Structure formats: structure tokens, C-alpha cells
């Protein structure tokens, strides 16, 4: 099933004449936005997509740590 995701992303990139990296980054950004909308802005949400297997990993750090400037 994961291979189907990679195949679909590649097809989008070809059809829209975009780099695959841009398509993947857009998907990652969309997943982060959706997770924040559902779970709130307080969590540090990270999305990774394995480009070999197509697996999508979403992690929310709820420990309350944040970047200190």
C-alpha cells in the first residue's frame, strides 16, 4: 500500500511539472497543519516520509519543550 503513495506522489509531480521534493514537502506541511488543527498548536508535530517504503511517520512531542531564542 505504501508503494501506491509514492507512485501517486510521483504521478502528481510529473503531471504538474513539479519536483518530487516539492510535492513531498507540501504533503508533509499539510499533514502537520491537519494534526495541529485536530490536536492543537501546543504540540511540536513532526512528519517524516520514508522515500523507499512510502511509510509516513507522524510524531507529536507533548512534553512541553519548545525552542528557546
C-alpha atoms as a PDB file:
ATOM      1  CA  UNK A   1       0.000   0.000   0.000  1.00  0.00           C
ATOM      2  CA  UNK A   2       2.806   2.432   0.824  1.00  0.00           C
ATOM      3  CA  UNK A   3       4.288   1.992  -2.638  1.00  0.00           C
ATOM      4  CA  UNK A   4       0.990   3.275  -4.041  1.00  0.00           C
ATOM      5  CA  UNK A   5       1.533   6.530  -2.127  1.00  0.00           C
ATOM      6  CA  UNK A   6       4.970   7.039  -3.655  1.00  0.00           C
ATOM      7  CA  UNK A   7       3.625   6.190  -7.086  1.00  0.00           C
ATOM      8  CA  UNK A   8       0.795   8.711  -6.662  1.00  0.00           C
ATOM      9  CA  UNK A   9       3.181  11.429  -5.472  1.00  0.00           C
ATOM     10  CA  UNK A  10       5.461  10.801  -8.443  1.00  0.00           C
ATOM     11  CA  UNK A  11       2.496  10.930 -10.804  1.00  0.00           C
ATOM     12  CA  UNK A  12       1.390  14.276  -9.322  1.00  0.00           C
ATOM     13  CA  UNK A  13       4.921  15.633  -9.732  1.00  0.00           C
ATOM     14  CA  UNK A  14       5.037  14.580 -13.394  1.00  0.00           C
ATOM     15  CA  UNK A  15       1.534  15.799 -14.239  1.00  0.00           C
ATOM     16  CA  UNK A  16       2.041  19.189 -12.584  1.00  0.00           C
ATOM     17  CA  UNK A  17       5.642  19.511 -13.793  1.00  0.00           C
ATOM     18  CA  UNK A  18       6.983  19.841 -10.234  1.00  0.00           C
ATOM     19  CA  UNK A  19       9.930  18.384  -8.395  1.00  0.00           C
ATOM     20  CA  UNK A  20       9.032  15.345  -6.285  1.00  0.00           C
ATOM     21  CA  UNK A  21      10.713  17.027  -3.313  1.00  0.00           C
ATOM     22  CA  UNK A  22       8.248  19.904  -3.532  1.00  0.00           C
ATOM     23  CA  UNK A  23       5.269  17.520  -3.663  1.00  0.00           C
ATOM     24  CA  UNK A  24       6.537  15.578  -0.630  1.00  0.00           C
ATOM     25  CA  UNK A  25       7.240  18.757   1.365  1.00  0.00           C
ATOM     26  CA  UNK A  26       3.753  20.043   0.532  1.00  0.00           C
ATOM     27  CA  UNK A  27       2.216  16.781   1.757  1.00  0.00           C
ATOM     28  CA  UNK A  28       4.278  16.918   4.956  1.00  0.00           C
ATOM     29  CA  UNK A  29       3.225  20.510   5.583  1.00  0.00           C
ATOM     30  CA  UNK A  30      -0.418  19.618   5.016  1.00  0.00           C
ATOM     31  CA  UNK A  31      -0.225  16.715   7.455  1.00  0.00           C
ATOM     32  CA  UNK A  32       1.352  18.940  10.110  1.00  0.00           C
ATOM     33  CA  UNK A  33      -1.404  21.527   9.599  1.00  0.00           C
ATOM     34  CA  UNK A  34      -4.118  18.891   9.873  1.00  0.00           C
ATOM     35  CA  UNK A  35      -2.598  17.439  13.043  1.00  0.00           C
ATOM     36  CA  UNK A  36      -2.315  20.893  14.630  1.00  0.00           C
ATOM     37  CA  UNK A  37      -5.920  21.624  13.740  1.00  0.00           C
ATOM     38  CA  UNK A  38      -7.067  18.402  15.368  1.00  0.00           C
ATOM     39  CA  UNK A  39      -4.752  18.287  18.395  1.00  0.00           C
ATOM     40  CA  UNK A  40      -3.895  21.944  18.979  1.00  0.00           C
ATOM     41  CA  UNK A  41      -0.962  24.233  18.344  1.00  0.00           C
ATOM     42  CA  UNK A  42       0.857  23.371  21.560  1.00  0.00           C
ATOM     43  CA  UNK A  43       2.458  20.190  20.282  1.00  0.00           C
ATOM     44  CA  UNK A  44       5.646  20.035  18.264  1.00  0.00           C
ATOM     45  CA  UNK A  45       4.476  17.876  15.345  1.00  0.00           C
ATOM     46  CA  UNK A  46       6.990  16.231  13.041  1.00  0.00           C
ATOM     47  CA  UNK A  47       6.151  14.367   9.834  1.00  0.00           C
ATOM     48  CA  UNK A  48       8.610  12.125   8.008  1.00  0.00           C
ATOM     49  CA  UNK A  49       8.019  10.217   4.796  1.00  0.00           C
ATOM     50  CA  UNK A  50      10.296   7.292   4.002  1.00  0.00           C
ATOM     51  CA  UNK A  51      11.075   7.676   0.306  1.00  0.00           C
ATOM     52  CA  UNK A  52      11.936   3.998  -0.100  1.00  0.00           C
ATOM     53  CA  UNK A  53       8.933   2.370   1.543  1.00  0.00           C
ATOM     54  CA  UNK A  54       6.389   5.189   1.416  1.00  0.00           C
ATOM     55  CA  UNK A  55       5.717   4.922   5.137  1.00  0.00           C
ATOM     56  CA  UNK A  56       4.507   8.111   6.781  1.00  0.00           C
ATOM     57  CA  UNK A  57       5.543   8.789  10.369  1.00  0.00           C
ATOM     58  CA  UNK A  58       3.812  11.469  12.437  1.00  0.00           C
ATOM     59  CA  UNK A  59       5.104  12.317  15.887  1.00  0.00           C
ATOM     60  CA  UNK A  60       3.780  14.844  18.389  1.00  0.00           C
ATOM     61  CA  UNK A  61       6.080  15.915  21.190  1.00  0.00           C
ATOM     62  CA  UNK A  62       3.789  16.777  24.070  1.00  0.00           C
ATOM     63  CA  UNK A  63       6.499  17.209  26.703  1.00  0.00           C
ATOM     64  CA  UNK A  64       6.111  20.971  26.609  1.00  0.00           C
ATOM     65  CA  UNK A  65       9.588  21.651  25.305  1.00  0.00           C
ATOM     66  CA  UNK A  66       9.968  24.494  22.865  1.00  0.00           C
ATOM     67  CA  UNK A  67      12.728  26.300  21.047  1.00  0.00           C
ATOM     68  CA  UNK A  68      14.385  28.917  23.156  1.00  0.00           C
ATOM     69  CA  UNK A  69      15.512  32.025  21.326  1.00  0.00           C
END
